[in-house]
Amino acid sequence: MLEVQGVETFYGSIQALHGVDLAVGRGEIVTLIGANGAGKSTLLMTICGNPRATSGSIRLDGEEIAGLETHEIVRRGVAQVPEGRRIFPRMSLFENLQMGATLGDPAHFSTDLERVYAMFPRLAERREQRGGTLSGGEQQMLAIGRALMSRPRLLLLDEPSLGLAPLIVKQIFEAVGRIAREEKV
């Protein structure tokens, strides 16, 4: 599904990625492991188009996506849950989920919302609560739910367990496993 070949990325004159190769199949879970500053987050951001790869190829189901605008990459089925969750703290949980669906087909909104609520029942209970008042684990569930609202084929998670209690990490990883198995994302 995803093929990354020879990707190089720079921040100004500093090279962050040096000829990265990676392949991810449909429904496959792949983990990038490395030291801080190794380029893990940069690779995920480069796949999403910001920053752009300066050389190499990024293909999604055979289609070259390197060089496309980020919103075009999202439309083609790539969603990212960034490190630190980056939810909208003053917006309600429901409004945060709406933001994830902005590029999608409005006809699917209710179905997608129910799918997210079924996966993370706590979100349904707190749908009117502001995002910034949620616990770290609830914010991570919200960030994943927001990404799922775009109906991705590829879901990129950056540091999904950062700062979370072990029980919440287990719940998050169980949900990711279900997404991979049932939705082949």
Foldseek 3Di string as FASTA:
>chain_A
DKWWFQFWDADVPRIQDGGDTDDDFQLGDDDDDDDPSNCPLVVLVCLLPVPATPDTFIDDVRHTDGPPHNVVSLLVFEFEQHPVRPFQQAAFLLVSLVQLQPSDDPVCQVVLVVVLCVLPVVCVVRRGPGLNVDDPLVSLSSSVSSPCNSVHSHYHYDPSCPPHDPVSVVSVVVSSSCCSVPVSD
